[in-house]
Amino acid sequence: MAVINRIAEFHDDIKGWRRDLHAHPETAFEEVRTSDFVADKLEEWGIEVHRGLATTGVVGVLHGNKKSGRAIGLRADMDALHLTELNEFDHRSKNEGKMHGCGHDGHTAMLLGAARYLAETKNFDGTVNFIFQPAEENEGGGRVMVEEGLFEKFPVEAVYGLHNMPGIPTGQVGMRVGPAMAAFDIFELTIKGVGAHAAMPHLGVDAILVTSQIVTALQSIASRRVDPLESVVVSVTQIHAGDTWNVIPQEAVIRGTVRSFDADVQAQTEADIERIAKGICESQGASMTMRYEKRYPAVVNTSMETDIAAEVAAQVVGEPNVEVGMPPLMGSEDFAYMLQEKPGCYIWLGNGADGEPGGCSVHNPLYDFNDEISVIGASYWAKLVETTMPRAG
């Protein structure tokens, strides 16, 4: 493994930053302490700091040799989850009900590590924009940064992102050309029946019975409505109805998520959910309203930038440890909005295989980012800049 020696020298600093951020998690658009922390570090290293995009976003601008006029963007997410941490180590969350359960603390620390190194060396010809994004979890901070003029204010020819990945061994990297992560939609169905005494169900229209039939029928979308060679997931994640034992409730609510890669499949699935739910309601004498939101588009990597990312990753971890054809993931990422605007590549950095430190699944109350991969991620970022924008002479 060929990590950058200088970055390895301050590995303990990166680890310290990461653990400080882990202990003070902040959720969507409330990353005030986190963005202060990031801005202070960037300013300490002489990097130009811009704040305010998407409320708590931070962009650091570093110029090397300006002759080429080139620029790239490197993005890290900063936010935590609404999750109660169950770990007992010293750097566990001090903010009750909030936790860095996805490793965004590590993503931020790794990009800071690369920023420090690049500010020291400036061994590149062009400009690098360090994009520290808020609100990746559910709230689309990436979309907001783009809408508020991220790439107009900070032009780039390409943008790159990464995510730690439990299940992939430490020191391995995965990526793919084309769709890499799924589009993320949500739906809410409100079923209205007629309330009745539980002992006299024939006098009402049972919203719970109707709801149960809808939940079962929705599973036919993936199995019978979509081409088996395509991918879609329809998951019901919430059912809310009733308040007591002896009343058949008048109303029930179904909530869930849809994941897909293809826009036609996405549109068909939305229509199928409404058609199935409405048909079942009408057959039972109930009525239905649907709310459907397209939250995140699919993450789609471009070919040239994926080739570049693979080449750079191989410089750091060795070519045998880079998998370019990893299967796509049904999880979602709002980095997709940046990739809709600019070419780029989003990679997965091994956080540890099952049984290894860092192998615990993300969004788990026992998860912790594996600090041993910090120098790998920071070296990847630094070499990506030096490789894509080499300094002449």
Protein backbone atom coordinates (compact mmCIF):
# COMPACT_ATOMS: atom_id res chain seq x y z
CA MET A 1 0.00 0.00 0.00
CA ALA A 2 1.46 3.36 -1.07
CA VAL A 3 -0.17 5.97 1.15
CA ILE A 4 1.47 9.39 1.16
CA ASN A 5 4.17 9.47 3.84
CA ARG A 6 3.42 13.03 4.91
CA ILE A 7 -0.24 12.19 5.47
CA ALA A 8 0.78 9.10 7.46
CA GLU A 9 2.88 11.39 9.67
CA PHE A 10 -0.22 13.27 10.84
CA HIS A 11 -2.55 10.27 10.94
CA ASP A 12 -3.05 10.82 14.68
CA ASP A 13 -4.28 14.34 13.95
CA ILE A 14 -6.84 13.02 11.43
CA LYS A 15 -7.95 10.42 13.97
CA GLY A 16 -8.33 13.13 16.60
CA TRP A 17 -10.43 15.33 14.32
CA ARG A 18 -12.62 12.39 13.42
CA ARG A 19 -13.23 11.39 17.02
CA ASP A 20 -13.99 14.95 18.04
CA LEU A 21 -16.59 15.16 15.26
CA HIS A 22 -17.98 11.75 16.25
CA ALA A 23 -18.48 12.93 19.82
CA HIS A 24 -20.39 16.02 18.67
CA PRO A 25 -22.79 14.84 15.94
CA GLU A 26 -25.15 17.30 14.28
CA THR A 27 -28.01 16.51 11.92
CA ALA A 28 -29.32 18.08 8.70
CA PHE A 29 -28.73 21.82 8.29
CA GLU A 30 -27.74 22.10 11.97
CA GLU A 31 -24.04 21.30 11.49
CA VAL A 32 -22.98 24.60 13.11
CA ARG A 33 -20.15 23.30 15.31
CA THR A 34 -19.04 20.92 12.57
CA SER A 35 -18.83 23.63 9.91
CA ASP A 36 -17.00 25.92 12.36
CA PHE A 37 -14.52 23.10 12.98
CA VAL A 38 -13.97 22.58 9.25
CA ALA A 39 -13.67 26.29 8.46
CA ASP A 40 -11.19 26.86 11.29
CA LYS A 41 -8.93 24.06 10.05
CA LEU A 42 -9.02 25.26 6.45
CA GLU A 43 -8.24 28.83 7.48
CA GLU A 44 -5.39 27.60 9.69
CA TRP A 45 -3.78 26.06 6.57
CA GLY A 46 -4.25 29.19 4.47
CA ILE A 47 -7.13 27.84 2.37
CA GLU A 48 -9.74 30.32 1.15
CA VAL A 49 -13.02 29.61 2.99
CA HIS A 50 -16.57 30.25 1.77
CA ARG A 51 -19.61 29.58 3.95
CA GLY A 52 -23.40 29.72 3.75
CA LEU A 53 -24.36 27.45 0.86
CA ALA A 54 -27.18 25.17 2.08
CA THR A 55 -27.04 27.01 5.42
CA THR A 56 -24.08 25.17 6.96
CA GLY A 57 -22.06 24.18 3.90
CA VAL A 58 -18.36 25.03 3.65
CA VAL A 59 -16.27 25.27 0.49
CA GLY A 60 -12.50 25.59 0.73
CA VAL A 61 -10.68 26.87 -2.37
CA LEU A 62 -6.99 26.11 -2.85
CA HIS A 63 -4.98 27.30 -5.83
CA GLY A 64 -1.85 25.54 -6.97
CA ASN A 65 -0.16 26.77 -10.12
CA LYS A 66 -2.95 28.64 -11.95
CA LYS A 67 -1.53 28.33 -15.48
CA SER A 68 -3.85 25.55 -16.60
CA GLY A 69 -7.09 27.18 -15.42
CA ARG A 70 -8.37 23.72 -14.47
CA ALA A 71 -10.43 22.92 -11.37
CA ILE A 72 -11.98 19.85 -9.72
CA GLY A 73 -14.28 19.36 -6.75
CA LEU A 74 -13.87 16.91 -3.87
CA ARG A 75 -16.94 16.38 -1.70
CA ALA A 76 -17.42 15.10 1.86
CA ASP A 77 -20.70 14.97 3.79
CA MET A 78 -20.79 16.28 7.38
CA ASP A 79 -24.13 15.35 8.93
CA ALA A 80 -25.07 12.66 11.44
CA LEU A 81 -28.18 10.53 11.94
CA HIS A 82 -31.09 10.70 14.35
CA LEU A 83 -29.91 7.56 16.12
CA THR A 84 -29.06 6.74 19.74
CA GLU A 85 -25.51 5.43 19.99
CA LEU A 86 -24.90 2.22 21.98
CA ASN A 87 -21.09 2.30 21.88
CA GLU A 88 -19.23 2.84 25.16
CA PHE A 89 -15.86 4.16 23.98
CA ASP A 90 -14.62 7.60 25.02
CA HIS A 91 -15.55 9.35 21.77
CA ARG A 92 -19.19 8.16 21.76
CA SER A 93 -21.88 10.75 21.04
CA LYS A 94 -22.40 13.48 23.60
CA ASN A 95 -25.59 14.62 21.83
CA GLU A 96 -28.46 12.39 22.90
CA GLY A 97 -30.39 10.85 20.03
CA LYS A 98 -27.80 11.86 17.43
CA MET A 99 -24.94 9.72 16.14
CA HIS A 100 -22.38 9.54 13.37
CA GLY A 101 -23.73 6.14 12.40
CA CYS A 102 -22.74 6.37 8.73
CA GLY A 103 -19.14 7.58 8.87
CA HIS A 104 -19.58 11.14 7.69
CA ASP A 105 -17.24 12.14 10.53
CA GLY A 106 -14.59 10.02 8.81
CA HIS A 107 -15.38 11.46 5.39
CA THR A 108 -14.93 14.99 6.73
CA ALA A 109 -11.69 14.12 8.52
CA MET A 110 -10.20 12.42 5.44
CA LEU A 111 -10.93 15.40 3.21
CA LEU A 112 -9.44 17.71 5.84
CA GLY A 113 -6.34 15.52 5.83
CA ALA A 114 -6.01 15.86 2.07
CA ALA A 115 -6.60 19.62 2.30
CA ARG A 116 -3.81 20.02 4.85
CA TYR A 117 -1.35 18.05 2.71
CA LEU A 118 -2.25 19.84 -0.52
CA ALA A 119 -2.00 23.23 1.18
CA GLU A 120 1.51 22.32 2.31
CA THR A 121 2.72 20.98 -1.04
CA LYS A 122 0.62 22.66 -3.77
CA ASN A 123 2.01 20.09 -6.16
CA PHE A 124 -0.71 20.59 -8.77
CA ASP A 125 -1.60 22.96 -11.57
CA GLY A 126 -5.11 24.32 -11.10
CA THR A 127 -7.68 24.80 -8.36
CA VAL A 128 -9.22 22.30 -5.98
CA ASN A 129 -12.58 23.02 -4.33
CA PHE A 130 -13.10 21.13 -1.07
CA ILE A 131 -16.87 20.76 -0.74
CA PHE A 132 -18.09 20.01 2.79
CA GLN A 133 -21.79 19.30 2.38
CA PRO A 134 -24.52 19.30 5.04
CA ALA A 135 -27.70 17.24 5.20
CA GLU A 136 -26.96 14.18 3.10
CA GLU A 137 -29.22 11.98 5.22
CA ASN A 138 -32.74 12.31 3.75
CA GLU A 139 -32.77 16.10 3.38
CA GLY A 140 -30.86 16.64 0.12
CA GLY A 141 -28.19 19.11 1.15
CA GLY A 142 -26.35 18.30 -2.09
CA ARG A 143 -29.38 19.40 -4.10
CA VAL A 144 -29.61 22.62 -2.10
CA MET A 145 -25.93 23.44 -2.65
CA VAL A 146 -26.36 22.94 -6.39
CA GLU A 147 -29.58 25.01 -6.48
CA GLU A 148 -27.84 27.81 -4.58
CA GLY A 149 -25.10 28.03 -7.20
CA LEU A 150 -22.34 25.69 -6.05
CA PHE A 151 -20.87 25.18 -9.51
CA GLU A 152 -21.52 28.74 -10.69
CA LYS A 153 -19.59 30.09 -7.71
CA PHE A 154 -16.96 27.33 -7.77
CA PRO A 155 -16.63 26.03 -11.35
CA VAL A 156 -15.15 22.56 -11.78
CA GLU A 157 -14.58 20.22 -14.69
CA ALA A 158 -15.39 17.17 -12.57
CA VAL A 159 -16.52 16.30 -9.05
CA TYR A 160 -15.61 13.27 -6.95
CA GLY A 161 -17.05 11.64 -3.83
CA LEU A 162 -16.49 8.59 -1.67
CA HIS A 163 -18.17 6.60 1.08
CA ASN A 164 -16.73 4.15 3.55
CA MET A 165 -18.21 0.68 3.11
CA PRO A 166 -18.41 -1.96 5.85
CA GLY A 167 -18.23 -5.43 4.31
CA ILE A 168 -15.37 -4.45 2.01
CA PRO A 169 -11.99 -5.32 3.59
CA THR A 170 -9.72 -2.53 4.76
CA GLY A 171 -7.44 -1.48 1.92
CA GLN A 172 -9.84 -2.33 -0.90
CA VAL A 173 -11.78 0.08 -3.11
CA GLY A 174 -14.84 -0.47 -5.32
CA MET A 175 -16.53 1.54 -8.07
CA ARG A 176 -18.46 1.13 -11.30
CA VAL A 177 -19.27 3.05 -14.47
CA GLY A 178 -22.90 4.08 -14.87
CA PRO A 179 -25.61 3.71 -12.20
CA ALA A 180 -23.86 3.00 -8.89
CA MET A 181 -26.57 3.81 -6.34
CA ALA A 182 -30.32 3.88 -6.70
CA ALA A 183 -32.81 6.70 -6.95
CA PHE A 184 -34.64 7.27 -3.66
CA ASP A 185 -38.40 7.98 -3.63
CA ILE A 186 -40.89 8.00 -0.77
CA PHE A 187 -44.63 7.39 -0.76
CA GLU A 188 -47.48 7.89 1.69
CA LEU A 189 -50.93 6.35 1.23
CA THR A 190 -53.79 7.57 3.40
CA ILE A 191 -56.61 5.00 3.48
CA LYS A 192 -60.04 6.19 4.59
CA GLY A 193 -62.72 3.68 5.55
CA VAL A 194 -65.64 3.84 7.97
CA GLY A 195 -64.94 3.42 11.66
CA ALA A 196 -66.94 0.87 13.66
CA HIS A 197 -67.07 -1.10 16.88
CA ALA A 198 -64.63 -4.02 16.70
CA ALA A 199 -67.47 -6.39 17.62
CA MET A 200 -69.59 -5.14 14.69
CA PRO A 201 -67.19 -4.89 11.71
CA HIS A 202 -70.03 -5.25 9.19
CA LEU A 203 -71.16 -1.72 10.05
CA GLY A 204 -67.90 -0.16 8.90
CA VAL A 205 -65.19 -0.34 6.25
CA ASP A 206 -62.04 -1.71 7.87
CA ALA A 207 -59.12 0.54 6.94
CA ILE A 208 -56.67 -1.91 8.51
CA LEU A 209 -57.92 -4.80 6.39
CA VAL A 210 -57.67 -2.67 3.27
CA THR A 211 -54.20 -1.55 4.28
CA SER A 212 -53.06 -5.14 4.76
CA GLN A 213 -54.23 -6.08 1.29
CA ILE A 214 -52.41 -3.10 -0.21
CA VAL A 215 -49.12 -3.94 1.54
CA THR A 216 -49.23 -7.49 0.20
CA ALA A 217 -50.22 -6.42 -3.31
CA LEU A 218 -47.42 -3.84 -3.59
CA GLN A 219 -44.92 -6.69 -3.55
CA SER A 220 -46.21 -7.78 -6.95
CA ILE A 221 -44.66 -4.69 -8.54
CA ALA A 222 -41.09 -5.97 -8.31
CA SER A 223 -42.03 -9.59 -8.97
CA ARG A 224 -44.60 -9.17 -11.74
CA ARG A 225 -44.63 -5.65 -13.15
CA VAL A 226 -40.94 -4.91 -13.72
CA ASP A 227 -38.65 -6.66 -16.21
CA PRO A 228 -36.61 -9.23 -14.23
CA LEU A 229 -33.45 -7.75 -15.78
CA GLU A 230 -34.27 -4.35 -14.25
CA SER A 231 -34.09 -3.49 -10.55
CA VAL A 232 -36.65 -1.99 -8.21
CA VAL A 233 -37.35 -2.24 -4.50
CA VAL A 234 -40.72 -1.30 -3.00
CA SER A 235 -40.56 -1.40 0.79
CA VAL A 236 -43.35 -0.51 3.21
CA THR A 237 -41.63 0.88 6.29
CA GLN A 238 -44.49 2.34 8.34
CA ILE A 239 -48.14 1.51 9.06
CA HIS A 240 -50.11 3.74 11.41
CA ALA A 241 -53.71 3.05 12.45
CA GLY A 242 -55.93 2.82 15.49
CA ASP A 243 -55.70 3.84 19.13
CA THR A 244 -57.47 1.15 21.15
CA TRP A 245 -58.51 -2.51 21.22
CA ASN A 246 -62.23 -2.32 20.50
CA VAL A 247 -62.44 0.25 17.68
CA ILE A 248 -61.92 -0.42 14.00
CA PRO A 249 -60.19 2.81 12.94
CA GLN A 250 -61.53 4.97 10.17
CA GLU A 251 -58.11 5.82 8.75
CA ALA A 252 -54.75 4.15 8.20
CA VAL A 253 -51.49 5.44 6.76
CA ILE A 254 -48.90 3.45 4.81
CA ARG A 255 -45.44 4.90 4.23
CA GLY A 256 -42.51 3.44 2.37
CA THR A 257 -39.68 3.87 -0.08
CA VAL A 258 -38.95 2.97 -3.69
CA ARG A 259 -35.42 2.39 -5.04
CA SER A 260 -34.66 2.15 -8.75
CA PHE A 261 -32.00 2.93 -11.35
CA ASP A 262 -34.03 3.54 -14.51
CA ALA A 263 -36.30 6.59 -14.95
CA ASP A 264 -38.94 4.58 -16.82
CA VAL A 265 -39.05 1.95 -14.06
CA GLN A 266 -39.29 4.74 -11.50
CA ALA A 267 -42.28 6.32 -13.29
CA GLN A 268 -43.98 2.96 -13.82
CA THR A 269 -43.59 2.04 -10.15
CA GLU A 270 -45.15 5.31 -8.99
CA ALA A 271 -48.14 4.71 -11.27
CA ASP A 272 -48.43 1.07 -10.18
CA ILE A 273 -48.51 1.96 -6.48
CA GLU A 274 -51.36 4.38 -7.05
CA ARG A 275 -53.27 2.00 -9.34
CA ILE A 276 -52.98 -0.99 -6.97
CA ALA A 277 -53.89 0.97 -3.85
CA LYS A 278 -56.81 2.76 -5.48
CA GLY A 279 -58.16 -0.47 -6.98
CA ILE A 280 -58.11 -2.31 -3.65
CA CYS A 281 -59.74 0.63 -1.88
CA GLU A 282 -62.53 0.86 -4.44
CA SER A 283 -63.17 -2.87 -4.21
CA GLN A 284 -63.64 -2.55 -0.45
CA GLY A 285 -65.60 0.70 -0.33
CA ALA A 286 -62.68 2.76 0.97
CA SER A 287 -60.91 5.76 -0.54
CA MET A 288 -57.26 6.67 -0.87
CA THR A 289 -54.96 9.66 -1.37
CA MET A 290 -51.28 9.34 -2.29
CA ARG A 291 -48.27 11.54 -1.71
CA TYR A 292 -45.20 10.58 -3.74
CA GLU A 293 -41.86 12.39 -3.64
CA LYS A 294 -38.78 11.81 -5.76
CA ARG A 295 -36.10 12.55 -3.20
CA TYR A 296 -32.72 11.60 -4.76
CA PRO A 297 -31.89 10.60 -8.34
CA ALA A 298 -29.59 7.68 -9.09
CA VAL A 299 -25.84 8.13 -8.67
CA VAL A 300 -24.40 7.75 -12.18
CA ASN A 301 -20.62 7.67 -12.62
CA THR A 302 -19.12 8.83 -15.91
CA SER A 303 -16.67 6.61 -17.75
CA MET A 304 -13.58 8.80 -18.00
CA GLU A 305 -13.75 9.96 -14.38
CA THR A 306 -14.26 6.39 -13.17
CA ASP A 307 -11.15 5.35 -15.10
CA ILE A 308 -9.24 8.18 -13.43
CA ALA A 309 -10.54 7.20 -9.98
CA ALA A 310 -9.54 3.58 -10.57
CA GLU A 311 -6.05 4.58 -11.68
CA VAL A 312 -5.57 6.79 -8.62
CA ALA A 313 -6.98 4.20 -6.20
CA ALA A 314 -4.56 1.65 -7.65
CA GLN A 315 -1.69 4.02 -6.88
CA VAL A 316 -2.74 4.00 -3.23
CA VAL A 317 -3.93 0.44 -2.53
CA GLY A 318 -2.52 -1.52 -5.47
CA GLU A 319 -4.37 -2.60 -8.61
CA PRO A 320 -5.44 -6.04 -7.21
CA ASN A 321 -7.35 -4.20 -4.46
CA VAL A 322 -9.44 -2.09 -6.86
CA GLU A 323 -12.71 -3.52 -8.21
CA VAL A 324 -14.09 -1.47 -11.08
CA GLY A 325 -17.17 -3.59 -11.76
CA MET A 326 -18.78 -3.66 -8.33
CA PRO A 327 -22.52 -4.37 -8.39
CA PRO A 328 -24.68 -1.28 -7.86
CA LEU A 329 -26.16 -0.62 -4.43
CA MET A 330 -29.86 -0.02 -3.76
CA GLY A 331 -28.93 2.60 -1.17
CA SER A 332 -29.06 6.25 -2.24
CA GLU A 333 -26.87 9.34 -2.07
CA ASP A 334 -27.57 12.99 -2.79
CA PHE A 335 -24.14 13.30 -4.41
CA ALA A 336 -26.30 12.28 -7.38
CA TYR A 337 -27.36 15.92 -7.77
CA MET A 338 -23.74 16.99 -8.23
CA LEU A 339 -23.23 14.24 -10.80
CA GLN A 340 -26.27 15.49 -12.71
CA GLU A 341 -24.43 18.79 -13.16
CA LYS A 342 -20.84 17.62 -13.64
CA PRO A 343 -19.04 14.44 -14.71
CA GLY A 344 -17.47 12.54 -11.86
CA CYS A 345 -17.13 9.35 -9.87
CA TYR A 346 -18.30 8.10 -6.48
CA ILE A 347 -16.28 5.26 -4.96
CA TRP A 348 -16.60 2.89 -2.00
CA LEU A 349 -13.67 2.65 0.40
CA GLY A 350 -13.46 -0.55 2.44
CA ASN A 351 -14.14 0.09 6.13
CA GLY A 352 -13.54 -3.54 7.16
CA ALA A 353 -14.98 -6.93 6.31
CA ASP A 354 -17.36 -8.82 8.60
CA GLY A 355 -15.54 -9.56 11.84
CA GLU A 356 -12.93 -6.86 11.24
CA PRO A 357 -12.88 -3.52 13.05
CA GLY A 358 -15.16 -1.29 10.98
CA GLY A 359 -17.19 -4.22 9.69
CA CYS A 360 -20.38 -3.24 11.53
CA SER A 361 -23.11 -2.04 9.18
CA VAL A 362 -23.77 1.67 8.75
CA HIS A 363 -26.96 3.09 10.33
CA ASN A 364 -26.33 0.73 13.23
CA PRO A 365 -26.12 2.04 16.83
CA LEU A 366 -22.87 0.12 17.31
CA TYR A 367 -21.17 1.38 14.14
CA ASP A 368 -17.89 3.29 14.24
CA PHE A 369 -15.72 4.56 11.41
CA ASN A 370 -12.46 2.65 11.05
CA ASP A 371 -9.68 5.19 11.68
CA GLU A 372 -7.14 2.92 9.99
CA ILE A 373 -8.56 3.84 6.58
CA SER A 374 -8.15 7.59 7.13
CA VAL A 375 -4.70 7.74 5.54
CA ILE A 376 -5.97 5.68 2.59
CA GLY A 377 -8.87 8.05 1.91
CA ALA A 378 -6.81 11.20 2.42
CA SER A 379 -4.04 9.83 0.16
CA TYR A 380 -6.62 8.97 -2.52
CA TRP A 381 -7.96 12.52 -2.46
CA ALA A 382 -4.49 14.06 -2.63
CA LYS A 383 -3.27 11.81 -5.43
CA LEU A 384 -6.49 12.42 -7.35
CA VAL A 385 -5.68 16.15 -7.40
CA GLU A 386 -2.01 15.60 -8.28
CA THR A 387 -2.88 13.08 -11.00
CA THR A 388 -5.71 14.95 -12.70
CA MET A 389 -3.96 18.32 -12.52
CA PRO A 390 -0.23 17.51 -12.65
CA ARG A 391 2.17 20.37 -12.18
CA ALA A 392 4.13 21.12 -15.33
CA GLY A 393 7.92 20.97 -15.11
